[in-house]
Amino acid sequence: MALNDADHEMLMNHEDKLSDHERRINDLSQKMSDTMDRVEESNKYLREQNTNILNAVIKGNAISENHKHEVEMLTKQNLWKVVGIVLGSSSIVYMIIQQLFHVIH
């Protein structure tokens, strides 16, 4: 069955439109692929940053715990020093008062 000129022209027009649609689909597919590659790179960068932040927080927490322990130890040491000073000074005051009473009598 032979095609007349109008049918042949219509067939060629459809082939052109089909080629145009295939080109657009290929372009969109390539753009989507490029976009997905950029998103994946961005996600990779963000995961690395999150890992760095998490490690810094963990390290900071460890340093904070160590510092807290050191402060508690210093507080205990200073408390015993204060108790010692108070007891020592009260002993000296007691001895001075006792000597005064001894001198007065």
PDB file of N, CA and C in Angstrom:
ATOM      1  N   MET A   1       0.838  -1.167   0.000  1.00  0.00           N
ATOM      2  CA  MET A   1       0.000   0.000   0.000  1.00  0.00           C
ATOM      3  C   MET A   1       0.887   1.235   0.000  1.00  0.00           C
ATOM      4  N   ALA A   2       0.722   2.018  -0.965  1.00  0.00           N
ATOM      5  CA  ALA A   2       1.526   3.215  -1.161  1.00  0.00           C
ATOM      6  C   ALA A   2       0.899   4.384  -0.410  1.00  0.00           C
ATOM      7  N   LEU A   3       1.762   5.249   0.112  1.00  0.00           N
ATOM      8  CA  LEU A   3       1.283   6.426   0.840  1.00  0.00           C
ATOM      9  C   LEU A   3       1.189   7.597  -0.110  1.00  0.00           C
ATOM     10  N   ASN A   4       0.108   8.326   0.015  1.00  0.00           N
ATOM     11  CA  ASN A   4       0.024   9.541  -0.799  1.00  0.00           C
ATOM     12  C   ASN A   4       0.856  10.632  -0.130  1.00  0.00           C
ATOM     13  N   ASP A   5       0.978  11.756  -0.765  1.00  0.00           N
ATOM     14  CA  ASP A   5       1.847  12.834  -0.283  1.00  0.00           C
ATOM     15  C   ASP A   5       1.385  13.372   1.073  1.00  0.00           C
ATOM     16  N   ALA A   6       0.104  13.507   1.294  1.00  0.00           N
ATOM     17  CA  ALA A   6      -0.424  14.028   2.569  1.00  0.00           C
ATOM     18  C   ALA A   6      -0.126  13.048   3.700  1.00  0.00           C
ATOM     19  N   ASP A   7      -0.335  11.758   3.438  1.00  0.00           N
ATOM     20  CA  ASP A   7      -0.040  10.757   4.477  1.00  0.00           C
ATOM     21  C   ASP A   7       1.459  10.695   4.761  1.00  0.00           C
ATOM     22  N   HIS A   8       2.255  10.789   3.694  1.00  0.00           N
ATOM     23  CA  HIS A   8       3.706  10.764   3.863  1.00  0.00           C
ATOM     24  C   HIS A   8       4.174  11.983   4.676  1.00  0.00           C
ATOM     25  N   GLU A   9       3.617  13.145   4.366  1.00  0.00           N
ATOM     26  CA  GLU A   9       3.972  14.376   5.093  1.00  0.00           C
ATOM     27  C   GLU A   9       3.548  14.270   6.562  1.00  0.00           C
ATOM     28  N   MET A  10       2.338  13.718   6.816  1.00  0.00           N
ATOM     29  CA  MET A  10       1.851  13.544   8.173  1.00  0.00           C
ATOM     30  C   MET A  10       2.748  12.550   8.934  1.00  0.00           C
ATOM     31  N   LEU A  11       3.179  11.489   8.272  1.00  0.00           N
ATOM     32  CA  LEU A  11       4.063  10.504   8.884  1.00  0.00           C
ATOM     33  C   LEU A  11       5.409  11.141   9.228  1.00  0.00           C
ATOM     34  N   MET A  12       5.935  11.930   8.342  1.00  0.00           N
ATOM     35  CA  MET A  12       7.207  12.614   8.588  1.00  0.00           C
ATOM     36  C   MET A  12       7.056  13.610   9.745  1.00  0.00           C
ATOM     37  N   ASN A  13       5.914  14.319   9.811  1.00  0.00           N
ATOM     38  CA  ASN A  13       5.643  15.271  10.888  1.00  0.00           C
ATOM     39  C   ASN A  13       5.597  14.542  12.236  1.00  0.00           C
ATOM     40  N   HIS A  14       4.944  13.372  12.271  1.00  0.00           N
ATOM     41  CA  HIS A  14       4.880  12.576  13.497  1.00  0.00           C
ATOM     42  C   HIS A  14       6.263  12.086  13.913  1.00  0.00           C
ATOM     43  N   GLU A  15       7.067  11.690  12.938  1.00  0.00           N
ATOM     44  CA  GLU A  15       8.426  11.239  13.245  1.00  0.00           C
ATOM     45  C   GLU A  15       9.260  12.386  13.826  1.00  0.00           C
ATOM     46  N   ASP A  16       9.085  13.577  13.263  1.00  0.00           N
ATOM     47  CA  ASP A  16       9.796  14.749  13.789  1.00  0.00           C
ATOM     48  C   ASP A  16       9.366  15.050  15.222  1.00  0.00           C
ATOM     49  N   LYS A  17       8.035  15.003  15.447  1.00  0.00           N
ATOM     50  CA  LYS A  17       7.526  15.261  16.804  1.00  0.00           C
ATOM     51  C   LYS A  17       8.014  14.188  17.770  1.00  0.00           C
ATOM     52  N   LEU A  18       8.013  12.949  17.329  1.00  0.00           N
ATOM     53  CA  LEU A  18       8.493  11.858  18.171  1.00  0.00           C
ATOM     54  C   LEU A  18       9.976  12.040  18.490  1.00  0.00           C
ATOM     55  N   SER A  19      10.768  12.424  17.516  1.00  0.00           N
ATOM     56  CA  SER A  19      12.200  12.675  17.741  1.00  0.00           C
ATOM     57  C   SER A  19      12.390  13.830  18.713  1.00  0.00           C
ATOM     58  N   ASP A  20      11.552  14.876  18.547  1.00  0.00           N
ATOM     59  CA  ASP A  20      11.618  16.021  19.441  1.00  0.00           C
ATOM     60  C   ASP A  20      11.274  15.599  20.875  1.00  0.00           C
ATOM     61  N   HIS A  21      10.233  14.790  21.037  1.00  0.00           N
ATOM     62  CA  HIS A  21       9.859  14.310  22.375  1.00  0.00           C
ATOM     63  C   HIS A  21      10.958  13.431  22.978  1.00  0.00           C
ATOM     64  N   GLU A  22      11.564  12.580  22.177  1.00  0.00           N
ATOM     65  CA  GLU A  22      12.653  11.729  22.667  1.00  0.00           C
ATOM     66  C   GLU A  22      13.837  12.578  23.114  1.00  0.00           C
ATOM     67  N   ARG A  23      14.141  13.629  22.370  1.00  0.00           N
ATOM     68  CA  ARG A  23      15.240  14.540  22.725  1.00  0.00           C
ATOM     69  C   ARG A  23      14.925  15.234  24.046  1.00  0.00           C
ATOM     70  N   ARG A  24      13.684  15.717  24.188  1.00  0.00           N
ATOM     71  CA  ARG A  24      13.288  16.383  25.439  1.00  0.00           C
ATOM     72  C   ARG A  24      13.349  15.418  26.627  1.00  0.00           C
ATOM     73  N   ILE A  25      12.900  14.193  26.406  1.00  0.00           N
ATOM     74  CA  ILE A  25      12.953  13.192  27.477  1.00  0.00           C
ATOM     75  C   ILE A  25      14.400  12.906  27.860  1.00  0.00           C
ATOM     76  N   ASN A  26      15.272  12.795  26.862  1.00  0.00           N
ATOM     77  CA  ASN A  26      16.699  12.569  27.138  1.00  0.00           C
ATOM     78  C   ASN A  26      17.308  13.757  27.886  1.00  0.00           C
ATOM     79  N   ASP A  27      16.936  14.982  27.487  1.00  0.00           N
ATOM     80  CA  ASP A  27      17.430  16.183  28.181  1.00  0.00           C
ATOM     81  C   ASP A  27      16.961  16.201  29.633  1.00  0.00           C
ATOM     82  N   LEU A  28      15.680  15.920  29.851  1.00  0.00           N
ATOM     83  CA  LEU A  28      15.145  15.893  31.213  1.00  0.00           C
ATOM     84  C   LEU A  28      15.816  14.802  32.041  1.00  0.00           C
ATOM     85  N   SER A  29      16.021  13.661  31.432  1.00  0.00           N
ATOM     86  CA  SER A  29      16.687  12.560  32.130  1.00  0.00           C
ATOM     87  C   SER A  29      18.102  12.954  32.527  1.00  0.00           C
ATOM     88  N   GLN A  30      18.813  13.618  31.621  1.00  0.00           N
ATOM     89  CA  GLN A  30      20.177  14.064  31.917  1.00  0.00           C
ATOM     90  C   GLN A  30      20.165  15.116  33.019  1.00  0.00           C
ATOM     91  N   LYS A  31      19.222  16.054  32.970  1.00  0.00           N
ATOM     92  CA  LYS A  31      19.122  17.083  34.015  1.00  0.00           C
ATOM     93  C   LYS A  31      18.810  16.452  35.366  1.00  0.00           C
ATOM     94  N   MET A  32      17.906  15.484  35.380  1.00  0.00           N
ATOM     95  CA  MET A  32      17.574  14.806  36.629  1.00  0.00           C
ATOM     96  C   MET A  32      18.783  14.057  37.169  1.00  0.00           C
ATOM     97  N   SER A  33      19.513  13.418  36.281  1.00  0.00           N
ATOM     98  CA  SER A  33      20.713  12.691  36.699  1.00  0.00           C
ATOM     99  C   SER A  33      21.749  13.651  37.282  1.00  0.00           C
ATOM    100  N   ASP A  34      21.954  14.789  36.616  1.00  0.00           N
ATOM    101  CA  ASP A  34      22.897  15.793  37.119  1.00  0.00           C
ATOM    102  C   ASP A  34      22.448  16.331  38.473  1.00  0.00           C
ATOM    103  N   THR A  35      21.159  16.596  38.595  1.00  0.00           N
ATOM    104  CA  THR A  35      20.618  17.101  39.863  1.00  0.00           C
ATOM    105  C   THR A  35      20.801  16.072  40.974  1.00  0.00           C
ATOM    106  N   MET A  36      20.530  14.822  40.679  1.00  0.00           N
ATOM    107  CA  MET A  36      20.692  13.771  41.682  1.00  0.00           C
ATOM    108  C   MET A  36      22.157  13.628  42.092  1.00  0.00           C
ATOM    109  N   ASP A  37      23.080  13.795  41.138  1.00  0.00           N
ATOM    110  CA  ASP A  37      24.509  13.749  41.469  1.00  0.00           C
ATOM    111  C   ASP A  37      24.877  14.890  42.420  1.00  0.00           C
ATOM    112  N   ARG A  38      24.364  16.100  42.148  1.00  0.00           N
ATOM    113  CA  ARG A  38      24.636  17.244  43.024  1.00  0.00           C
ATOM    114  C   ARG A  38      24.025  17.027  44.407  1.00  0.00           C
ATOM    115  N   VAL A  39      22.811  16.482  44.445  1.00  0.00           N
ATOM    116  CA  VAL A  39      22.164  16.198  45.733  1.00  0.00           C
ATOM    117  C   VAL A  39      22.978  15.171  46.511  1.00  0.00           C
ATOM    118  N   GLU A  40      23.463  14.158  45.839  1.00  0.00           N
ATOM    119  CA  GLU A  40      24.262  13.133  46.506  1.00  0.00           C
ATOM    120  C   GLU A  40      25.559  13.728  47.052  1.00  0.00           C
ATOM    121  N   GLU A  41      26.204  14.601  46.289  1.00  0.00           N
ATOM    122  CA  GLU A  41      27.421  15.266  46.762  1.00  0.00           C
ATOM    123  C   GLU A  41      27.113  16.149  47.968  1.00  0.00           C
ATOM    124  N   SER A  42      26.011  16.862  47.897  1.00  0.00           N
ATOM    125  CA  SER A  42      25.606  17.712  49.011  1.00  0.00           C
ATOM    126  C   SER A  42      25.335  16.873  50.251  1.00  0.00           C
ATOM    127  N   ASN A  43      24.635  15.761  50.086  1.00  0.00           N
ATOM    128  CA  ASN A  43      24.353  14.876  51.217  1.00  0.00           C
ATOM    129  C   ASN A  43      25.641  14.305  51.809  1.00  0.00           C
ATOM    130  N   LYS A  44      26.567  13.960  50.944  1.00  0.00           N
ATOM    131  CA  LYS A  44      27.850  13.432  51.412  1.00  0.00           C
ATOM    132  C   LYS A  44      28.573  14.488  52.251  1.00  0.00           C
ATOM    133  N   TYR A  45      28.586  15.730  51.760  1.00  0.00           N
ATOM    134  CA  TYR A  45      29.225  16.825  52.495  1.00  0.00           C
ATOM    135  C   TYR A  45      28.535  17.037  53.843  1.00  0.00           C
ATOM    136  N   LEU A  46      27.204  17.033  53.843  1.00  0.00           N
ATOM    137  CA  LEU A  46      26.465  17.236  55.086  1.00  0.00           C
ATOM    138  C   LEU A  46      26.703  16.097  56.077  1.00  0.00           C
ATOM    139  N   ARG A  47      26.787  14.876  55.590  1.00  0.00           N
ATOM    140  CA  ARG A  47      27.077  13.742  56.479  1.00  0.00           C
ATOM    141  C   ARG A  47      28.458  13.903  57.118  1.00  0.00           C
ATOM    142  N   GLU A  48      29.430  14.349  56.321  1.00  0.00           N
ATOM    143  CA  GLU A  48      30.777  14.573  56.852  1.00  0.00           C
ATOM    144  C   GLU A  48      30.758  15.670  57.915  1.00  0.00           C
ATOM    145  N   GLN A  49      30.029  16.763  57.626  1.00  0.00           N
ATOM    146  CA  GLN A  49      29.937  17.858  58.591  1.00  0.00           C
ATOM    147  C   GLN A  49      29.248  17.397  59.870  1.00  0.00           C
ATOM    148  N   ASN A  50      28.184  16.622  59.732  1.00  0.00           N
ATOM    149  CA  ASN A  50      27.481  16.114  60.911  1.00  0.00           C
ATOM    150  C   ASN A  50      28.376  15.210  61.738  1.00  0.00           C
ATOM    151  N   THR A  51      29.179  14.393  61.063  1.00  0.00           N
ATOM    152  CA  THR A  51      30.118  13.527  61.773  1.00  0.00           C
ATOM    153  C   THR A  51      31.139  14.367  62.533  1.00  0.00           C
ATOM    154  N   ASN A  52      31.659  15.416  61.890  1.00  0.00           N
ATOM    155  CA  ASN A  52      32.627  16.294  62.553  1.00  0.00           C
ATOM    156  C   ASN A  52      32.000  16.985  63.759  1.00  0.00           C
ATOM    157  N   ILE A  53      30.772  17.455  63.598  1.00  0.00           N
ATOM    158  CA  ILE A  53      30.080  18.129  64.703  1.00  0.00           C
ATOM    159  C   ILE A  53      29.843  17.156  65.843  1.00  0.00           C
ATOM    160  N   LEU A  54      29.384  15.955  65.518  1.00  0.00           N
ATOM    161  CA  LEU A  54      29.136  14.950  66.550  1.00  0.00           C
ATOM    162  C   LEU A  54      30.421  14.613  67.306  1.00  0.00           C
ATOM    163  N   ASN A  55      31.508  14.446  66.579  1.00  0.00           N
ATOM    164  CA  ASN A  55      32.794  14.154  67.234  1.00  0.00           C
ATOM    165  C   ASN A  55      33.222  15.304  68.132  1.00  0.00           C
ATOM    166  N   ALA A  56      33.004  16.546  67.688  1.00  0.00           N
ATOM    167  CA  ALA A  56      33.359  17.706  68.510  1.00  0.00           C
ATOM    168  C   ALA A  56      32.504  17.761  69.773  1.00  0.00           C
ATOM    169  N   VAL A  57      31.218  17.451  69.646  1.00  0.00           N
ATOM    170  CA  VAL A  57      30.333  17.453  70.816  1.00  0.00           C
ATOM    171  C   VAL A  57      30.748  16.366  71.798  1.00  0.00           C
ATOM    172  N   ILE A  58      31.045  15.183  71.288  1.00  0.00           N
ATOM    173  CA  ILE A  58      31.469  14.084  72.158  1.00  0.00           C
ATOM    174  C   ILE A  58      32.776  14.451  72.874  1.00  0.00           C
ATOM    175  N   LYS A  59      33.713  15.027  72.125  1.00  0.00           N
ATOM    176  CA  LYS A  59      34.984  15.439  72.724  1.00  0.00           C
ATOM    177  C   LYS A  59      34.746  16.532  73.762  1.00  0.00           C
ATOM    178  N   GLY A  60      33.874  17.486  73.437  1.00  0.00           N
ATOM    179  CA  GLY A  60      33.544  18.555  74.384  1.00  0.00           C
ATOM    180  C   GLY A  60      32.907  18.013  75.644  1.00  0.00           C
ATOM    181  N   ASN A  61      32.027  17.028  75.491  1.00  0.00           N
ATOM    182  CA  ASN A  61      31.398  16.412  76.665  1.00  0.00           C
ATOM    183  C   ASN A  61      32.432  15.714  77.538  1.00  0.00           C
ATOM    184  N   ALA A  62      33.360  15.023  76.909  1.00  0.00           N
ATOM    185  CA  ALA A  62      34.403  14.334  77.670  1.00  0.00           C
ATOM    186  C   ALA A  62      35.271  15.345  78.420  1.00  0.00           C
ATOM    187  N   ILE A  63      35.626  16.433  77.759  1.00  0.00           N
ATOM    188  CA  ILE A  63      36.431  17.475  78.400  1.00  0.00           C
ATOM    189  C   ILE A  63      35.639  18.100  79.544  1.00  0.00           C
ATOM    190  N   SER A  64      34.355  18.327  79.314  1.00  0.00           N
ATOM    191  CA  SER A  64      33.496  18.912  80.342  1.00  0.00           C
ATOM    192  C   SER A  64      33.405  18.001  81.564  1.00  0.00           C
ATOM    193  N   GLU A  65      33.250  16.706  81.343  1.00  0.00           N
ATOM    194  CA  GLU A  65      33.183  15.757  82.452  1.00  0.00           C
ATOM    195  C   GLU A  65      34.499  15.754  83.232  1.00  0.00           C
ATOM    196  N   ASN A  66      35.617  15.781  82.525  1.00  0.00           N
ATOM    197  CA  ASN A  66      36.922  15.812  83.174  1.00  0.00           C
ATOM    198  C   ASN A  66      37.077  17.096  83.984  1.00  0.00           C
ATOM    199  N   HIS A  67      36.670  18.217  83.410  1.00  0.00           N
ATOM    200  CA  HIS A  67      36.748  19.506  84.098  1.00  0.00           C
ATOM    201  C   HIS A  67      35.850  19.500  85.335  1.00  0.00           C
ATOM    202  N   LYS A  68      34.664  18.946  85.204  1.00  0.00           N
ATOM    203  CA  LYS A  68      33.732  18.866  86.332  1.00  0.00           C
ATOM    204  C   LYS A  68      34.343  18.054  87.468  1.00  0.00           C
ATOM    205  N   HIS A  69      34.981  16.940  87.125  1.00  0.00           N
ATOM    206  CA  HIS A  69      35.626  16.097  88.139  1.00  0.00           C
ATOM    207  C   HIS A  69      36.762  16.862  88.830  1.00  0.00           C
ATOM    208  N   GLU A  70      37.555  17.584  88.056  1.00  0.00           N
ATOM    209  CA  GLU A  70      38.649  18.365  88.630  1.00  0.00           C
ATOM    210  C   GLU A  70      38.120  19.446  89.567  1.00  0.00           C
ATOM    211  N   VAL A  71      37.033  20.115  89.172  1.00  0.00           N
ATOM    212  CA  VAL A  71      36.436  21.148  90.019  1.00  0.00           C
ATOM    213  C   VAL A  71      35.923  20.545  91.321  1.00  0.00           C
ATOM    214  N   GLU A  72      35.291  19.375  91.250  1.00  0.00           N
ATOM    215  CA  GLU A  72      34.815  18.703  92.459  1.00  0.00           C
ATOM    216  C   GLU A  72      35.981  18.359  93.387  1.00  0.00           C
ATOM    217  N   MET A  73      37.076  17.886  92.828  1.00  0.00           N
ATOM    218  CA  MET A  73      38.251  17.546  93.648  1.00  0.00           C
ATOM    219  C   MET A  73      38.827  18.804  94.301  1.00  0.00           C
ATOM    220  N   LEU A  74      38.923  19.898  93.556  1.00  0.00           N
ATOM    221  CA  LEU A  74      39.428  21.148  94.129  1.00  0.00           C
ATOM    222  C   LEU A  74      38.505  21.659  95.227  1.00  0.00           C
ATOM    223  N   THR A  75      37.203  21.515  95.019  1.00  0.00           N
ATOM    224  CA  THR A  75      36.241  21.945  96.030  1.00  0.00           C
ATOM    225  C   THR A  75      36.437  21.160  97.317  1.00  0.00           C
ATOM    226  N   LYS A  76      36.598  19.857  97.208  1.00  0.00           N
ATOM    227  CA  LYS A  76      36.821  19.020  98.395  1.00  0.00           C
ATOM    228  C   LYS A  76      38.133  19.398  99.085  1.00  0.00           C
ATOM    229  N   GLN A  77      39.179  19.607  98.319  1.00  0.00           N
ATOM    230  CA  GLN A  77      40.471  19.979  98.896  1.00  0.00           C
ATOM    231  C   GLN A  77      40.365  21.317  99.620  1.00  0.00           C
ATOM    232  N   ASN A  78      39.708  22.271  98.980  1.00  0.00           N
ATOM    233  CA  ASN A  78      39.565  23.596  99.590  1.00  0.00           C
ATOM    234  C   ASN A  78      38.708  23.531 100.846  1.00  0.00           C
ATOM    235  N   LEU A  79      37.696  22.683 100.864  1.00  0.00           N
ATOM    236  CA  LEU A  79      36.863  22.523 102.050  1.00  0.00           C
ATOM    237  C   LEU A  79      37.692  22.017 103.223  1.00  0.00           C
ATOM    238  N   TRP A  80      38.538  21.022 102.960  1.00  0.00           N
ATOM    239  CA  TRP A  80      39.388  20.499 104.039  1.00  0.00           C
ATOM    240  C   TRP A  80      40.401  21.549 104.497  1.00  0.00           C
ATOM    241  N   LYS A  81      40.896  22.356 103.572  1.00  0.00           N
ATOM    242  CA  LYS A  81      41.819  23.434 103.953  1.00  0.00           C
ATOM    243  C   LYS A  81      41.122  24.438 104.854  1.00  0.00           C
ATOM    244  N   VAL A  82      39.882  24.802 104.490  1.00  0.00           N
ATOM    245  CA  VAL A  82      39.119  25.750 105.304  1.00  0.00           C
ATOM    246  C   VAL A  82      38.871  25.167 106.686  1.00  0.00           C
ATOM    247  N   VAL A  83      38.466  23.895 106.746  1.00  0.00           N
ATOM    248  CA  VAL A  83      38.225  23.245 108.036  1.00  0.00           C
ATOM    249  C   VAL A  83      39.511  23.253 108.853  1.00  0.00           C
ATOM    250  N   GLY A  84      40.615  22.943 108.251  1.00  0.00           N
ATOM    251  CA  GLY A  84      41.900  22.947 108.954  1.00  0.00           C
ATOM    252  C   GLY A  84      42.263  24.324 109.459  1.00  0.00           C
ATOM    253  N   ILE A  85      42.061  25.340 108.631  1.00  0.00           N
ATOM    254  CA  ILE A  85      42.379  26.716 109.024  1.00  0.00           C
ATOM    255  C   ILE A  85      41.479  27.147 110.175  1.00  0.00           C
ATOM    256  N   VAL A  86      40.174  26.830 110.072  1.00  0.00           N
ATOM    257  CA  VAL A  86      39.243  27.206 111.136  1.00  0.00           C
ATOM    258  C   VAL A  86      39.623  26.534 112.441  1.00  0.00           C
ATOM    259  N   LEU A  87      39.892  25.238 112.372  1.00  0.00           N
ATOM    260  CA  LEU A  87      40.274  24.525 113.590  1.00  0.00           C
ATOM    261  C   LEU A  87      41.595  25.053 114.147  1.00  0.00           C
ATOM    262  N   GLY A  88      42.542  25.315 113.276  1.00  0.00           N
ATOM    263  CA  GLY A  88      43.833  25.840 113.714  1.00  0.00           C
ATOM    264  C   GLY A  88      43.701  27.218 114.329  1.00  0.00           C
ATOM    265  N   SER A  89      42.934  28.086 113.679  1.00  0.00           N
ATOM    266  CA  SER A  89      42.782  29.446 114.209  1.00  0.00           C
ATOM    267  C   SER A  89      41.979  29.438 115.500  1.00  0.00           C
ATOM    268  N   SER A  90      40.986  28.574 115.601  1.00  0.00           N
ATOM    269  CA  SER A  90      40.218  28.514 116.845  1.00  0.00           C
ATOM    270  C   SER A  90      41.099  27.982 117.973  1.00  0.00           C
ATOM    271  N   SER A  91      42.004  27.075 117.664  1.00  0.00           N
ATOM    272  CA  SER A  91      42.931  26.575 118.684  1.00  0.00           C
ATOM    273  C   SER A  91      43.848  27.684 119.160  1.00  0.00           C
ATOM    274  N   ILE A  92      44.325  28.496 118.233  1.00  0.00           N
ATOM    275  CA  ILE A  92      45.207  29.612 118.602  1.00  0.00           C
ATOM    276  C   ILE A  92      44.447  30.623 119.446  1.00  0.00           C
ATOM    277  N   VAL A  93      43.212  30.955 119.045  1.00  0.00           N
ATOM    278  CA  VAL A  93      42.395  31.895 119.821  1.00  0.00           C
ATOM    279  C   VAL A  93      42.156  31.318 121.218  1.00  0.00           C
ATOM    280  N   TYR A  94      41.869  30.047 121.330  1.00  0.00           N
ATOM    281  CA  TYR A  94      41.637  29.406 122.622  1.00  0.00           C
ATOM    282  C   TYR A  94      42.891  29.494 123.497  1.00  0.00           C
ATOM    283  N   MET A  95      44.046  29.250 122.879  1.00  0.00           N
ATOM    284  CA  MET A  95      45.294  29.316 123.637  1.00  0.00           C
ATOM    285  C   MET A  95      45.570  30.738 124.109  1.00  0.00           C
ATOM    286  N   ILE A  96      45.300  31.739 123.269  1.00  0.00           N
ATOM    287  CA  ILE A  96      45.520  33.138 123.659  1.00  0.00           C
ATOM    288  C   ILE A  96      44.601  33.504 124.821  1.00  0.00           C
ATOM    289  N   ILE A  97      43.323  33.112 124.709  1.00  0.00           N
ATOM    290  CA  ILE A  97      42.375  33.417 125.790  1.00  0.00           C
ATOM    291  C   ILE A  97      42.799  32.700 127.075  1.00  0.00           C
ATOM    292  N   GLN A  98      43.233  31.466 126.946  1.00  0.00           N
ATOM    293  CA  GLN A  98      43.668  30.698 128.115  1.00  0.00           C
ATOM    294  C   GLN A  98      44.886  31.373 128.753  1.00  0.00           C
ATOM    295  N   GLN A  99      45.808  31.860 127.935  1.00  0.00           N
ATOM    296  CA  GLN A  99      46.984  32.542 128.469  1.00  0.00           C
ATOM    297  C   GLN A  99      46.598  33.854 129.143  1.00  0.00           C
ATOM    298  N   LEU A 100      45.616  34.573 128.551  1.00  0.00           N
ATOM    299  CA  LEU A 100      45.139  35.806 129.158  1.00  0.00           C
ATOM    300  C   LEU A 100      44.525  35.520 130.526  1.00  0.00           C
ATOM    301  N   PHE A 101      43.681  34.502 130.612  1.00  0.00           N
ATOM    302  CA  PHE A 101      43.094  34.135 131.895  1.00  0.00           C
ATOM    303  C   PHE A 101      44.175  33.712 132.891  1.00  0.00           C
ATOM    304  N   HIS A 102      45.170  33.036 132.419  1.00  0.00           N
ATOM    305  CA  HIS A 102      46.260  32.584 133.265  1.00  0.00           C
ATOM    306  C   HIS A 102      47.044  33.781 133.793  1.00  0.00           C
ATOM    307  N   VAL A 103      47.277  34.779 132.915  1.00  0.00           N
ATOM    308  CA  VAL A 103      48.017  35.968 133.315  1.00  0.00           C
ATOM    309  C   VAL A 103      47.181  36.796 134.281  1.00  0.00           C
ATOM    310  N   ILE A 104      45.866  36.904 134.019  1.00  0.00           N
ATOM    311  CA  ILE A 104      44.981  37.693 134.869  1.00  0.00           C
ATOM    312  C   ILE A 104      44.864  37.062 136.249  1.00  0.00           C
ATOM    313  N   HIS A 105      44.819  35.819 136.388  1.00  0.00           N
ATOM    314  CA  HIS A 105      44.661  35.168 137.695  1.00  0.00           C
ATOM    315  C   HIS A 105      45.970  34.966 138.294  1.00  0.00           C
TER     316      HIS A 105
END
